[in-house]
């Protein structure tokens, strides 16, 4: 079977990318103030939360072997950030945790879809 070179083969790059994302998420959630990102769209910040956590979760899934543990830790990370925010003049929002969790679930679906597509590409018979 022919091995296809993918981004997943660059584990060190993925780990660095994941660590940078982690730091940026911490900065965004603890240092930036919510009024810095005003939008006329109702609950636009929840769309941002979900989008960020899709990328964040999917990236960590490319690095780790234990997928369930990874996703569990990403959700715990999200919850801990919400509990820490009041100490940084930010507010705890249950909807942020929900939006982050939706992002994690969408990352799982994305990961499964890409795995299935790759599987069918490798196992085509003509």
PDB file of N, CA and C in Angstrom:
ATOM      1  N   UNK A   1       0.844  -1.173   0.000  1.00  0.00           N
ATOM      2  CA  UNK A   1       0.000   0.000   0.000  1.00  0.00           C
ATOM      3  C   UNK A   1       0.892   1.240   0.000  1.00  0.00           C
ATOM      4  N   UNK A   2       0.556   2.163  -0.846  1.00  0.00           N
ATOM      5  CA  UNK A   2       1.328   3.398  -0.976  1.00  0.00           C
ATOM      6  C   UNK A   2       0.998   4.351   0.169  1.00  0.00           C
ATOM      7  N   UNK A   3       2.033   4.833   0.826  1.00  0.00           N
ATOM      8  CA  UNK A   3       1.827   5.769   1.931  1.00  0.00           C
ATOM      9  C   UNK A   3       1.713   7.182   1.372  1.00  0.00           C
ATOM     10  N   UNK A   4       0.620   7.833   1.726  1.00  0.00           N
ATOM     11  CA  UNK A   4       0.398   9.202   1.278  1.00  0.00           C
ATOM     12  C   UNK A   4       0.985  10.161   2.305  1.00  0.00           C
ATOM     13  N   UNK A   5       1.797  11.101   1.825  1.00  0.00           N
ATOM     14  CA  UNK A   5       2.395  12.095   2.708  1.00  0.00           C
ATOM     15  C   UNK A   5       1.338  13.146   3.038  1.00  0.00           C
ATOM     16  N   UNK A   6       1.041  13.301   4.304  1.00  0.00           N
ATOM     17  CA  UNK A   6       0.041  14.273   4.726  1.00  0.00           C
ATOM     18  C   UNK A   6       0.649  15.210   5.761  1.00  0.00           C
ATOM     19  N   UNK A   7      -0.111  16.239   6.096  1.00  0.00           N
ATOM     20  CA  UNK A   7       0.341  17.162   7.140  1.00  0.00           C
ATOM     21  C   UNK A   7       0.534  16.447   8.464  1.00  0.00           C
ATOM     22  N   UNK A   8      -0.217  15.379   8.676  1.00  0.00           N
ATOM     23  CA  UNK A   8      -0.118  14.645   9.935  1.00  0.00           C
ATOM     24  C   UNK A   8       1.286  14.079  10.154  1.00  0.00           C
ATOM     25  N   UNK A   9       2.027  13.864   9.080  1.00  0.00           N
ATOM     26  CA  UNK A   9       3.374  13.323   9.194  1.00  0.00           C
ATOM     27  C   UNK A   9       4.360  14.320   9.807  1.00  0.00           C
ATOM     28  N   UNK A  10       3.979  15.567   9.885  1.00  0.00           N
ATOM     29  CA  UNK A  10       4.847  16.601  10.445  1.00  0.00           C
ATOM     30  C   UNK A  10       4.448  16.878  11.892  1.00  0.00           C
ATOM     31  N   UNK A  11       4.681  15.898  12.745  1.00  0.00           N
ATOM     32  CA  UNK A  11       4.187  15.949  14.120  1.00  0.00           C
ATOM     33  C   UNK A  11       4.753  17.140  14.907  1.00  0.00           C
ATOM     34  N   UNK A  12       6.019  17.440  14.751  1.00  0.00           N
ATOM     35  CA  UNK A  12       6.626  18.553  15.489  1.00  0.00           C
ATOM     36  C   UNK A  12       5.970  19.871  15.113  1.00  0.00           C
ATOM     37  N   UNK A  13       5.693  20.051  13.850  1.00  0.00           N
ATOM     38  CA  UNK A  13       5.032  21.272  13.390  1.00  0.00           C
ATOM     39  C   UNK A  13       3.625  21.351  13.990  1.00  0.00           C
ATOM     40  N   UNK A  14       2.910  20.227  13.994  1.00  0.00           N
ATOM     41  CA  UNK A  14       1.558  20.199  14.575  1.00  0.00           C
ATOM     42  C   UNK A  14       1.590  20.532  16.058  1.00  0.00           C
ATOM     43  N   UNK A  15       2.542  19.956  16.775  1.00  0.00           N
ATOM     44  CA  UNK A  15       2.633  20.220  18.218  1.00  0.00           C
ATOM     45  C   UNK A  15       2.886  21.704  18.462  1.00  0.00           C
ATOM     46  N   UNK A  16       3.801  22.291  17.713  1.00  0.00           N
ATOM     47  CA  UNK A  16       4.088  23.714  17.851  1.00  0.00           C
ATOM     48  C   UNK A  16       2.845  24.546  17.526  1.00  0.00           C
ATOM     49  N   UNK A  17       2.147  24.192  16.451  1.00  0.00           N
ATOM     50  CA  UNK A  17       0.916  24.877  16.060  1.00  0.00           C
ATOM     51  C   UNK A  17      -0.128  24.791  17.175  1.00  0.00           C
ATOM     52  N   UNK A  18      -0.264  23.613  17.779  1.00  0.00           N
ATOM     53  CA  UNK A  18      -1.237  23.417  18.865  1.00  0.00           C
ATOM     54  C   UNK A  18      -0.877  24.240  20.096  1.00  0.00           C
ATOM     55  N   UNK A  19       0.392  24.280  20.431  1.00  0.00           N
ATOM     56  CA  UNK A  19       0.826  25.049  21.601  1.00  0.00           C
ATOM     57  C   UNK A  19       0.616  26.549  21.376  1.00  0.00           C
ATOM     58  N   UNK A  20       0.887  27.016  20.173  1.00  0.00           N
ATOM     59  CA  UNK A  20       0.645  28.427  19.855  1.00  0.00           C
ATOM     60  C   UNK A  20      -0.844  28.744  19.967  1.00  0.00           C
ATOM     61  N   UNK A  21      -1.683  27.841  19.458  1.00  0.00           N
ATOM     62  CA  UNK A  21      -3.135  28.036  19.576  1.00  0.00           C
ATOM     63  C   UNK A  21      -3.564  28.105  21.037  1.00  0.00           C
ATOM     64  N   UNK A  22      -3.009  27.230  21.850  1.00  0.00           N
ATOM     65  CA  UNK A  22      -3.363  27.199  23.268  1.00  0.00           C
ATOM     66  C   UNK A  22      -3.044  28.534  23.926  1.00  0.00           C
ATOM     67  N   UNK A  23      -1.863  29.060  23.650  1.00  0.00           N
ATOM     68  CA  UNK A  23      -1.465  30.354  24.213  1.00  0.00           C
ATOM     69  C   UNK A  23      -2.372  31.467  23.702  1.00  0.00           C
ATOM     70  N   UNK A  24      -2.688  31.453  22.415  1.00  0.00           N
ATOM     71  CA  UNK A  24      -3.558  32.490  21.848  1.00  0.00           C
ATOM     72  C   UNK A  24      -4.974  32.425  22.423  1.00  0.00           C
ATOM     73  N   UNK A  25      -5.475  31.219  22.650  1.00  0.00           N
ATOM     74  CA  UNK A  25      -6.798  31.077  23.256  1.00  0.00           C
ATOM     75  C   UNK A  25      -6.782  31.612  24.686  1.00  0.00           C
ATOM     76  N   UNK A  26      -5.748  31.269  25.434  1.00  0.00           N
ATOM     77  CA  UNK A  26      -5.630  31.791  26.803  1.00  0.00           C
ATOM     78  C   UNK A  26      -5.569  33.320  26.790  1.00  0.00           C
ATOM     79  N   UNK A  27      -4.781  33.876  25.892  1.00  0.00           N
ATOM     80  CA  UNK A  27      -4.685  35.332  25.788  1.00  0.00           C
ATOM     81  C   UNK A  27      -6.040  35.940  25.427  1.00  0.00           C
ATOM     82  N   UNK A  28      -6.682  35.375  24.426  1.00  0.00           N
ATOM     83  CA  UNK A  28      -7.961  35.904  23.974  1.00  0.00           C
ATOM     84  C   UNK A  28      -9.051  35.821  25.017  1.00  0.00           C
ATOM     85  N   UNK A  29      -9.030  34.742  25.791  1.00  0.00           N
ATOM     86  CA  UNK A  29     -10.096  34.538  26.783  1.00  0.00           C
ATOM     87  C   UNK A  29      -9.820  35.202  28.127  1.00  0.00           C
ATOM     88  N   UNK A  30      -8.563  35.477  28.427  1.00  0.00           N
ATOM     89  CA  UNK A  30      -8.241  36.033  29.735  1.00  0.00           C
ATOM     90  C   UNK A  30      -7.783  37.487  29.693  1.00  0.00           C
ATOM     91  N   UNK A  31      -7.184  37.921  28.598  1.00  0.00           N
ATOM     92  CA  UNK A  31      -6.624  39.266  28.537  1.00  0.00           C
ATOM     93  C   UNK A  31      -7.521  40.215  27.752  1.00  0.00           C
ATOM     94  N   UNK A  32      -7.950  39.806  26.566  1.00  0.00           N
ATOM     95  CA  UNK A  32      -8.827  40.674  25.769  1.00  0.00           C
ATOM     96  C   UNK A  32     -10.152  40.858  26.484  1.00  0.00           C
ATOM     97  N   UNK A  33     -10.699  42.022  26.401  1.00  0.00           N
ATOM     98  CA  UNK A  33     -12.004  42.288  26.998  1.00  0.00           C
ATOM     99  C   UNK A  33     -13.086  42.038  25.960  1.00  0.00           C
ATOM    100  N   UNK A  34     -14.225  41.561  26.395  1.00  0.00           N
ATOM    101  CA  UNK A  34     -15.298  41.211  25.465  1.00  0.00           C
ATOM    102  C   UNK A  34     -15.799  42.425  24.683  1.00  0.00           C
ATOM    103  N   UNK A  35     -15.678  43.618  25.255  1.00  0.00           N
ATOM    104  CA  UNK A  35     -16.130  44.805  24.517  1.00  0.00           C
ATOM    105  C   UNK A  35     -15.138  45.212  23.436  1.00  0.00           C
ATOM    106  N   UNK A  36     -13.964  44.532  23.365  1.00  0.00           N
ATOM    107  CA  UNK A  36     -13.003  44.790  22.290  1.00  0.00           C
ATOM    108  C   UNK A  36     -13.504  44.230  20.964  1.00  0.00           C
ATOM    109  N   UNK A  37     -14.435  43.300  21.013  1.00  0.00           N
ATOM    110  CA  UNK A  37     -14.898  42.608  19.811  1.00  0.00           C
ATOM    111  C   UNK A  37     -16.403  42.775  19.627  1.00  0.00           C
ATOM    112  N   UNK A  38     -16.857  43.985  19.524  1.00  0.00           N
ATOM    113  CA  UNK A  38     -18.289  44.245  19.351  1.00  0.00           C
ATOM    114  C   UNK A  38     -18.725  43.899  17.935  1.00  0.00           C
ATOM    115  N   UNK A  39     -19.923  43.340  17.814  1.00  0.00           N
ATOM    116  CA  UNK A  39     -20.498  43.005  16.520  1.00  0.00           C
ATOM    117  C   UNK A  39     -22.001  43.255  16.563  1.00  0.00           C
ATOM    118  N   UNK A  40     -22.570  43.698  15.446  1.00  0.00           N
ATOM    119  CA  UNK A  40     -24.020  43.903  15.423  1.00  0.00           C
ATOM    120  C   UNK A  40     -24.805  42.581  15.374  1.00  0.00           C
ATOM    121  N   UNK A  41     -24.110  41.486  15.115  1.00  0.00           N
ATOM    122  CA  UNK A  41     -24.763  40.177  15.037  1.00  0.00           C
ATOM    123  C   UNK A  41     -24.928  39.619  16.455  1.00  0.00           C
ATOM    124  N   UNK A  42     -26.167  39.247  16.787  1.00  0.00           N
ATOM    125  CA  UNK A  42     -26.476  38.718  18.118  1.00  0.00           C
ATOM    126  C   UNK A  42     -25.693  37.433  18.374  1.00  0.00           C
ATOM    127  N   UNK A  43     -25.013  37.373  19.511  1.00  0.00           N
ATOM    128  CA  UNK A  43     -24.217  36.215  19.926  1.00  0.00           C
ATOM    129  C   UNK A  43     -23.136  35.833  18.920  1.00  0.00           C
ATOM    130  N   UNK A  44     -22.601  36.802  18.227  1.00  0.00           N
ATOM    131  CA  UNK A  44     -21.539  36.543  17.264  1.00  0.00           C
ATOM    132  C   UNK A  44     -20.322  35.914  17.936  1.00  0.00           C
ATOM    133  N   UNK A  45     -20.084  36.266  19.191  1.00  0.00           N
ATOM    134  CA  UNK A  45     -18.940  35.707  19.904  1.00  0.00           C
ATOM    135  C   UNK A  45     -19.064  34.187  20.058  1.00  0.00           C
ATOM    136  N   UNK A  46     -20.281  33.663  20.082  1.00  0.00           N
ATOM    137  CA  UNK A  46     -20.472  32.200  20.188  1.00  0.00           C
ATOM    138  C   UNK A  46     -20.044  31.507  18.897  1.00  0.00           C
ATOM    139  N   UNK A  47     -20.284  32.181  17.755  1.00  0.00           N
ATOM    140  CA  UNK A  47     -19.819  31.645  16.470  1.00  0.00           C
ATOM    141  C   UNK A  47     -18.291  31.620  16.456  1.00  0.00           C
ATOM    142  N   UNK A  48     -17.700  32.682  16.985  1.00  0.00           N
ATOM    143  CA  UNK A  48     -16.231  32.751  17.079  1.00  0.00           C
ATOM    144  C   UNK A  48     -15.711  31.631  17.982  1.00  0.00           C
ATOM    145  N   UNK A  49     -16.351  31.439  19.141  1.00  0.00           N
ATOM    146  CA  UNK A  49     -15.948  30.367  20.064  1.00  0.00           C
ATOM    147  C   UNK A  49     -15.979  29.014  19.356  1.00  0.00           C
ATOM    148  N   UNK A  50     -17.085  28.696  18.705  1.00  0.00           N
ATOM    149  CA  UNK A  50     -17.207  27.401  18.022  1.00  0.00           C
ATOM    150  C   UNK A  50     -16.145  27.243  16.941  1.00  0.00           C
ATOM    151  N   UNK A  51     -15.936  28.294  16.164  1.00  0.00           N
ATOM    152  CA  UNK A  51     -14.948  28.233  15.080  1.00  0.00           C
ATOM    153  C   UNK A  51     -13.545  27.994  15.616  1.00  0.00           C
ATOM    154  N   UNK A  52     -13.200  28.709  16.660  1.00  0.00           N
ATOM    155  CA  UNK A  52     -11.867  28.542  17.249  1.00  0.00           C
ATOM    156  C   UNK A  52     -11.690  27.122  17.783  1.00  0.00           C
ATOM    157  N   UNK A  53     -12.715  26.597  18.436  1.00  0.00           N
ATOM    158  CA  UNK A  53     -12.596  25.260  19.022  1.00  0.00           C
ATOM    159  C   UNK A  53     -12.671  24.148  17.989  1.00  0.00           C
ATOM    160  N   UNK A  54     -13.240  24.416  16.812  1.00  0.00           N
ATOM    161  CA  UNK A  54     -13.151  23.433  15.726  1.00  0.00           C
ATOM    162  C   UNK A  54     -11.689  23.277  15.334  1.00  0.00           C
ATOM    163  N   UNK A  55     -11.027  24.393  15.086  1.00  0.00           N
ATOM    164  CA  UNK A  55      -9.620  24.374  14.669  1.00  0.00           C
ATOM    165  C   UNK A  55      -8.735  23.828  15.780  1.00  0.00           C
ATOM    166  N   UNK A  56      -8.963  24.301  16.999  1.00  0.00           N
ATOM    167  CA  UNK A  56      -8.164  23.887  18.158  1.00  0.00           C
ATOM    168  C   UNK A  56      -8.271  22.379  18.392  1.00  0.00           C
ATOM    169  N   UNK A  57      -9.491  21.865  18.419  1.00  0.00           N
ATOM    170  CA  UNK A  57      -9.701  20.430  18.678  1.00  0.00           C
ATOM    171  C   UNK A  57      -9.153  19.585  17.541  1.00  0.00           C
ATOM    172  N   UNK A  58      -9.448  19.986  16.317  1.00  0.00           N
ATOM    173  CA  UNK A  58      -8.992  19.211  15.167  1.00  0.00           C
ATOM    174  C   UNK A  58      -7.464  19.164  15.116  1.00  0.00           C
ATOM    175  N   UNK A  59      -6.828  20.267  15.461  1.00  0.00           N
ATOM    176  CA  UNK A  59      -5.357  20.302  15.469  1.00  0.00           C
ATOM    177  C   UNK A  59      -4.791  19.332  16.495  1.00  0.00           C
ATOM    178  N   UNK A  60      -5.346  19.347  17.707  1.00  0.00           N
ATOM    179  CA  UNK A  60      -4.860  18.420  18.732  1.00  0.00           C
ATOM    180  C   UNK A  60      -5.145  16.970  18.349  1.00  0.00           C
ATOM    181  N   UNK A  61      -6.223  16.735  17.616  1.00  0.00           N
ATOM    182  CA  UNK A  61      -6.513  15.368  17.155  1.00  0.00           C
ATOM    183  C   UNK A  61      -5.447  14.866  16.183  1.00  0.00           C
ATOM    184  N   UNK A  62      -4.781  15.759  15.482  1.00  0.00           N
ATOM    185  CA  UNK A  62      -3.736  15.358  14.541  1.00  0.00           C
ATOM    186  C   UNK A  62      -2.457  14.939  15.263  1.00  0.00           C
ATOM    187  N   UNK A  63      -2.320  15.345  16.499  1.00  0.00           N
ATOM    188  CA  UNK A  63      -1.084  15.106  17.249  1.00  0.00           C
ATOM    189  C   UNK A  63      -1.171  13.883  18.145  1.00  0.00           C
ATOM    190  N   UNK A  64      -2.325  13.641  18.722  1.00  0.00           N
ATOM    191  CA  UNK A  64      -2.428  12.635  19.774  1.00  0.00           C
ATOM    192  C   UNK A  64      -2.971  11.308  19.259  1.00  0.00           C
ATOM    193  N   UNK A  65      -2.712  10.275  20.029  1.00  0.00           N
ATOM    194  CA  UNK A  65      -3.228   8.945  19.696  1.00  0.00           C
ATOM    195  C   UNK A  65      -4.560   8.672  20.394  1.00  0.00           C
ATOM    196  N   UNK A  66      -4.696   9.162  21.615  1.00  0.00           N
ATOM    197  CA  UNK A  66      -5.912   8.906  22.385  1.00  0.00           C
ATOM    198  C   UNK A  66      -6.919  10.019  22.109  1.00  0.00           C
ATOM    199  N   UNK A  67      -7.781   9.778  21.142  1.00  0.00           N
ATOM    200  CA  UNK A  67      -8.717  10.811  20.680  1.00  0.00           C
ATOM    201  C   UNK A  67      -9.726  11.194  21.750  1.00  0.00           C
ATOM    202  N   UNK A  68     -10.260  10.214  22.457  1.00  0.00           N
ATOM    203  CA  UNK A  68     -11.272  10.510  23.478  1.00  0.00           C
ATOM    204  C   UNK A  68     -10.683  11.363  24.593  1.00  0.00           C
ATOM    205  N   UNK A  69      -9.498  11.008  25.044  1.00  0.00           N
ATOM    206  CA  UNK A  69      -8.839  11.781  26.098  1.00  0.00           C
ATOM    207  C   UNK A  69      -8.547  13.202  25.616  1.00  0.00           C
ATOM    208  N   UNK A  70      -8.096  13.336  24.392  1.00  0.00           N
ATOM    209  CA  UNK A  70      -7.795  14.654  23.833  1.00  0.00           C
ATOM    210  C   UNK A  70      -9.026  15.547  23.845  1.00  0.00           C
ATOM    211  N   UNK A  71     -10.128  15.018  23.350  1.00  0.00           N
ATOM    212  CA  UNK A  71     -11.361  15.809  23.285  1.00  0.00           C
ATOM    213  C   UNK A  71     -11.881  16.135  24.684  1.00  0.00           C
ATOM    214  N   UNK A  72     -11.754  15.180  25.594  1.00  0.00           N
ATOM    215  CA  UNK A  72     -12.142  15.417  26.986  1.00  0.00           C
ATOM    216  C   UNK A  72     -11.311  16.559  27.572  1.00  0.00           C
ATOM    217  N   UNK A  73     -10.005  16.534  27.337  1.00  0.00           N
ATOM    218  CA  UNK A  73      -9.124  17.574  27.879  1.00  0.00           C
ATOM    219  C   UNK A  73      -9.390  18.945  27.247  1.00  0.00           C
ATOM    220  N   UNK A  74      -9.743  18.967  25.975  1.00  0.00           N
ATOM    221  CA  UNK A  74     -10.072  20.246  25.331  1.00  0.00           C
ATOM    222  C   UNK A  74     -11.328  20.840  25.964  1.00  0.00           C
ATOM    223  N   UNK A  75     -12.328  20.003  26.224  1.00  0.00           N
ATOM    224  CA  UNK A  75     -13.552  20.497  26.871  1.00  0.00           C
ATOM    225  C   UNK A  75     -13.262  20.950  28.298  1.00  0.00           C
ATOM    226  N   UNK A  76     -12.448  20.198  29.042  1.00  0.00           N
ATOM    227  CA  UNK A  76     -12.065  20.600  30.406  1.00  0.00           C
ATOM    228  C   UNK A  76     -11.307  21.934  30.357  1.00  0.00           C
ATOM    229  N   UNK A  77     -10.411  22.091  29.391  1.00  0.00           N
ATOM    230  CA  UNK A  77      -9.676  23.344  29.191  1.00  0.00           C
ATOM    231  C   UNK A  77     -10.659  24.501  29.014  1.00  0.00           C
ATOM    232  N   UNK A  78     -11.667  24.282  28.191  1.00  0.00           N
ATOM    233  CA  UNK A  78     -12.696  25.296  27.935  1.00  0.00           C
ATOM    234  C   UNK A  78     -13.446  25.663  29.215  1.00  0.00           C
ATOM    235  N   UNK A  79     -13.804  24.659  29.981  1.00  0.00           N
ATOM    236  CA  UNK A  79     -14.538  24.896  31.231  1.00  0.00           C
ATOM    237  C   UNK A  79     -13.661  25.637  32.240  1.00  0.00           C
ATOM    238  N   UNK A  80     -12.411  25.223  32.363  1.00  0.00           N
ATOM    239  CA  UNK A  80     -11.497  25.887  33.304  1.00  0.00           C
ATOM    240  C   UNK A  80     -11.299  27.363  32.947  1.00  0.00           C
ATOM    241  N   UNK A  81     -11.184  27.647  31.656  1.00  0.00           N
ATOM    242  CA  UNK A  81     -11.037  29.046  31.248  1.00  0.00           C
ATOM    243  C   UNK A  81     -12.235  29.864  31.717  1.00  0.00           C
ATOM    244  N   UNK A  82     -13.428  29.317  31.560  1.00  0.00           N
ATOM    245  CA  UNK A  82     -14.631  30.045  31.980  1.00  0.00           C
ATOM    246  C   UNK A  82     -14.633  30.297  33.490  1.00  0.00           C
ATOM    247  N   UNK A  83     -14.162  29.328  34.280  1.00  0.00           N
ATOM    248  CA  UNK A  83     -14.128  29.507  35.732  1.00  0.00           C
ATOM    249  C   UNK A  83     -13.023  30.478  36.166  1.00  0.00           C
ATOM    250  N   UNK A  84     -11.971  30.587  35.369  1.00  0.00           N
ATOM    251  CA  UNK A  84     -10.861  31.491  35.694  1.00  0.00           C
ATOM    252  C   UNK A  84     -11.167  32.928  35.278  1.00  0.00           C
ATOM    253  N   UNK A  85     -11.998  33.119  34.267  1.00  0.00           N
ATOM    254  CA  UNK A  85     -12.260  34.454  33.718  1.00  0.00           C
ATOM    255  C   UNK A  85     -12.698  35.498  34.741  1.00  0.00           C
ATOM    256  N   UNK A  86     -13.514  35.176  35.737  1.00  0.00           N
ATOM    257  CA  UNK A  86     -13.896  36.221  36.710  1.00  0.00           C
ATOM    258  C   UNK A  86     -12.692  36.857  37.429  1.00  0.00           C
ATOM    259  N   UNK A  87     -11.582  36.148  37.521  1.00  0.00           N
ATOM    260  CA  UNK A  87     -10.391  36.699  38.157  1.00  0.00           C
ATOM    261  C   UNK A  87      -9.653  37.674  37.236  1.00  0.00           C
ATOM    262  N   UNK A  88     -10.081  37.752  35.979  1.00  0.00           N
ATOM    263  CA  UNK A  88      -9.478  38.647  34.990  1.00  0.00           C
ATOM    264  C   UNK A  88     -10.492  39.680  34.491  1.00  0.00           C
ATOM    265  N   UNK A  89     -11.444  40.023  35.346  1.00  0.00           N
ATOM    266  CA  UNK A  89     -12.505  40.984  35.003  1.00  0.00           C
ATOM    267  C   UNK A  89     -13.306  40.569  33.769  1.00  0.00           C
ATOM    268  N   UNK A  90     -13.492  39.285  33.613  1.00  0.00           N
ATOM    269  CA  UNK A  90     -14.340  38.735  32.560  1.00  0.00           C
ATOM    270  C   UNK A  90     -15.452  37.966  33.252  1.00  0.00           C
ATOM    271  N   UNK A  91     -16.497  37.653  32.526  1.00  0.00           N
ATOM    272  CA  UNK A  91     -17.614  36.953  33.164  1.00  0.00           C
ATOM    273  C   UNK A  91     -17.682  35.496  32.731  1.00  0.00           C
ATOM    274  N   UNK A  92     -18.159  34.667  33.638  1.00  0.00           N
ATOM    275  CA  UNK A  92     -18.416  33.258  33.354  1.00  0.00           C
ATOM    276  C   UNK A  92     -19.672  33.173  32.497  1.00  0.00           C
ATOM    277  N   UNK A  93     -19.604  32.448  31.374  1.00  0.00           N
ATOM    278  CA  UNK A  93     -20.779  32.276  30.518  1.00  0.00           C
ATOM    279  C   UNK A  93     -20.933  30.815  30.148  1.00  0.00           C
ATOM    280  N   UNK A  94     -22.036  30.255  30.570  1.00  0.00           N
ATOM    281  CA  UNK A  94     -22.330  28.860  30.251  1.00  0.00           C
ATOM    282  C   UNK A  94     -22.464  28.662  28.738  1.00  0.00           C
ATOM    283  N   UNK A  95     -22.977  29.680  28.047  1.00  0.00           N
ATOM    284  CA  UNK A  95     -23.120  29.579  26.592  1.00  0.00           C
ATOM    285  C   UNK A  95     -21.760  29.499  25.880  1.00  0.00           C
ATOM    286  N   UNK A  96     -20.728  30.059  26.474  1.00  0.00           N
ATOM    287  CA  UNK A  96     -19.383  29.920  25.901  1.00  0.00           C
ATOM    288  C   UNK A  96     -18.937  28.465  25.951  1.00  0.00           C
ATOM    289  N   UNK A  97     -19.189  27.811  27.074  1.00  0.00           N
ATOM    290  CA  UNK A  97     -18.832  26.392  27.200  1.00  0.00           C
ATOM    291  C   UNK A  97     -19.608  25.573  26.176  1.00  0.00           C
ATOM    292  N   UNK A  98     -20.885  25.883  26.016  1.00  0.00           N
ATOM    293  CA  UNK A  98     -21.704  25.178  25.029  1.00  0.00           C
ATOM    294  C   UNK A  98     -21.169  25.410  23.614  1.00  0.00           C
ATOM    295  N   UNK A  99     -20.854  26.650  23.292  1.00  0.00           N
ATOM    296  CA  UNK A  99     -20.317  26.969  21.955  1.00  0.00           C
ATOM    297  C   UNK A  99     -18.983  26.258  21.719  1.00  0.00           C
ATOM    298  N   UNK A 100     -18.126  26.238  22.739  1.00  0.00           N
ATOM    299  CA  UNK A 100     -16.845  25.543  22.619  1.00  0.00           C
ATOM    300  C   UNK A 100     -17.055  24.043  22.410  1.00  0.00           C
ATOM    301  N   UNK A 101     -18.002  23.475  23.155  1.00  0.00           N
ATOM    302  CA  UNK A 101     -18.297  22.042  23.037  1.00  0.00           C
ATOM    303  C   UNK A 101     -18.860  21.707  21.660  1.00  0.00           C
ATOM    304  N   UNK A 102     -19.673  22.590  21.109  1.00  0.00           N
ATOM    305  CA  UNK A 102     -20.177  22.385  19.750  1.00  0.00           C
ATOM    306  C   UNK A 102     -19.010  22.386  18.765  1.00  0.00           C
ATOM    307  N   UNK A 103     -18.052  23.278  18.980  1.00  0.00           N
ATOM    308  CA  UNK A 103     -16.853  23.302  18.142  1.00  0.00           C
ATOM    309  C   UNK A 103     -16.085  21.995  18.224  1.00  0.00           C
ATOM    310  N   UNK A 104     -15.975  21.430  19.421  1.00  0.00           N
ATOM    311  CA  UNK A 104     -15.283  20.146  19.607  1.00  0.00           C
ATOM    312  C   UNK A 104     -16.027  19.047  18.846  1.00  0.00           C
ATOM    313  N   UNK A 105     -17.346  19.019  18.963  1.00  0.00           N
ATOM    314  CA  UNK A 105     -18.138  17.993  18.264  1.00  0.00           C
ATOM    315  C   UNK A 105     -18.005  18.126  16.743  1.00  0.00           C
ATOM    316  N   UNK A 106     -17.992  19.359  16.254  1.00  0.00           N
ATOM    317  CA  UNK A 106     -17.810  19.568  14.815  1.00  0.00           C
ATOM    318  C   UNK A 106     -16.416  19.126  14.366  1.00  0.00           C
ATOM    319  N   UNK A 107     -15.418  19.299  15.227  1.00  0.00           N
ATOM    320  CA  UNK A 107     -14.067  18.833  14.908  1.00  0.00           C
ATOM    321  C   UNK A 107     -14.034  17.310  14.806  1.00  0.00           C
ATOM    322  N   UNK A 108     -14.785  16.639  15.682  1.00  0.00           N
ATOM    323  CA  UNK A 108     -14.869  15.174  15.614  1.00  0.00           C
ATOM    324  C   UNK A 108     -15.457  14.763  14.265  1.00  0.00           C
ATOM    325  N   UNK A 109     -16.543  15.421  13.863  1.00  0.00           N
ATOM    326  CA  UNK A 109     -17.176  15.104  12.578  1.00  0.00           C
ATOM    327  C   UNK A 109     -16.227  15.383  11.414  1.00  0.00           C
ATOM    328  N   UNK A 110     -15.516  16.492  11.477  1.00  0.00           N
ATOM    329  CA  UNK A 110     -14.549  16.828  10.436  1.00  0.00           C
ATOM    330  C   UNK A 110     -13.460  15.770  10.359  1.00  0.00           C
ATOM    331  N   UNK A 111     -12.953  15.367  11.501  1.00  0.00           N
ATOM    332  CA  UNK A 111     -11.906  14.360  11.553  1.00  0.00           C
ATOM    333  C   UNK A 111     -12.388  13.035  10.962  1.00  0.00           C
ATOM    334  N   UNK A 112     -13.605  12.623  11.316  1.00  0.00           N
ATOM    335  CA  UNK A 112     -14.167  11.382  10.778  1.00  0.00           C
ATOM    336  C   UNK A 112     -14.368  11.477   9.267  1.00  0.00           C
ATOM    337  N   UNK A 113     -14.869  12.597   8.814  1.00  0.00           N
ATOM    338  CA  UNK A 113     -15.106  12.776   7.376  1.00  0.00           C
ATOM    339  C   UNK A 113     -13.797  12.678   6.599  1.00  0.00           C
ATOM    340  N   UNK A 114     -12.774  13.342   7.080  1.00  0.00           N
ATOM    341  CA  UNK A 114     -11.487  13.317   6.383  1.00  0.00           C
ATOM    342  C   UNK A 114     -10.862  11.927   6.424  1.00  0.00           C
ATOM    343  N   UNK A 115     -11.025  11.215   7.531  1.00  0.00           N
ATOM    344  CA  UNK A 115     -10.510   9.845   7.618  1.00  0.00           C
ATOM    345  C   UNK A 115     -11.221   8.937   6.621  1.00  0.00           C
ATOM    346  N   UNK A 116     -12.546   9.075   6.530  1.00  0.00           N
ATOM    347  CA  UNK A 116     -13.310   8.255   5.586  1.00  0.00           C
ATOM    348  C   UNK A 116     -12.922   8.563   4.144  1.00  0.00           C
ATOM    349  N   UNK A 117     -12.774   9.831   3.824  1.00  0.00           N
ATOM    350  CA  UNK A 117     -12.363  10.193   2.469  1.00  0.00           C
ATOM    351  C   UNK A 117     -11.000   9.616   2.139  1.00  0.00           C
ATOM    352  N   UNK A 118     -10.076   9.700   3.076  1.00  0.00           N
ATOM    353  CA  UNK A 118      -8.741   9.165   2.881  1.00  0.00           C
ATOM    354  C   UNK A 118      -8.796   7.646   2.730  1.00  0.00           C
ATOM    355  N   UNK A 119      -9.615   6.987   3.535  1.00  0.00           N
ATOM    356  CA  UNK A 119      -9.762   5.530   3.475  1.00  0.00           C
ATOM    357  C   UNK A 119     -10.246   5.105   2.088  1.00  0.00           C
ATOM    358  N   UNK A 120     -11.258   5.784   1.576  1.00  0.00           N
ATOM    359  CA  UNK A 120     -11.805   5.405   0.286  1.00  0.00           C
ATOM    360  C   UNK A 120     -10.858   5.732  -0.867  1.00  0.00           C
ATOM    361  N   UNK A 121     -10.043   6.772  -0.698  1.00  0.00           N
ATOM    362  CA  UNK A 121      -9.033   7.076  -1.725  1.00  0.00           C
ATOM    363  C   UNK A 121      -7.986   5.988  -1.786  1.00  0.00           C
ATOM    364  N   UNK A 122      -7.583   5.475  -0.617  1.00  0.00           N
ATOM    365  CA  UNK A 122      -6.529   4.454  -0.566  1.00  0.00           C
ATOM    366  C   UNK A 122      -7.023   3.078  -1.001  1.00  0.00           C
ATOM    367  N   UNK A 123      -8.309   2.827  -0.824  1.00  0.00           N
ATOM    368  CA  UNK A 123      -8.828   1.478  -1.082  1.00  0.00           C
ATOM    369  C   UNK A 123      -9.688   1.370  -2.344  1.00  0.00           C
ATOM    370  N   UNK A 124      -9.441   2.232  -3.283  1.00  0.00           N
ATOM    371  CA  UNK A 124     -10.167   2.161  -4.549  1.00  0.00           C
ATOM    372  C   UNK A 124      -9.631   0.994  -5.371  1.00  0.00           C
ATOM    373  N   UNK A 125     -10.522   0.261  -5.947  1.00  0.00           N
ATOM    374  CA  UNK A 125     -10.118  -0.794  -6.866  1.00  0.00           C
ATOM    375  C   UNK A 125     -10.788  -0.541  -8.201  1.00  0.00           C
ATOM    376  N   UNK A 126     -10.015  -0.664  -9.248  1.00  0.00           N
ATOM    377  CA  UNK A 126     -10.555  -0.422 -10.579  1.00  0.00           C
ATOM    378  C   UNK A 126     -10.445  -1.676 -11.399  1.00  0.00           C
TER     379      UNK A 126
END
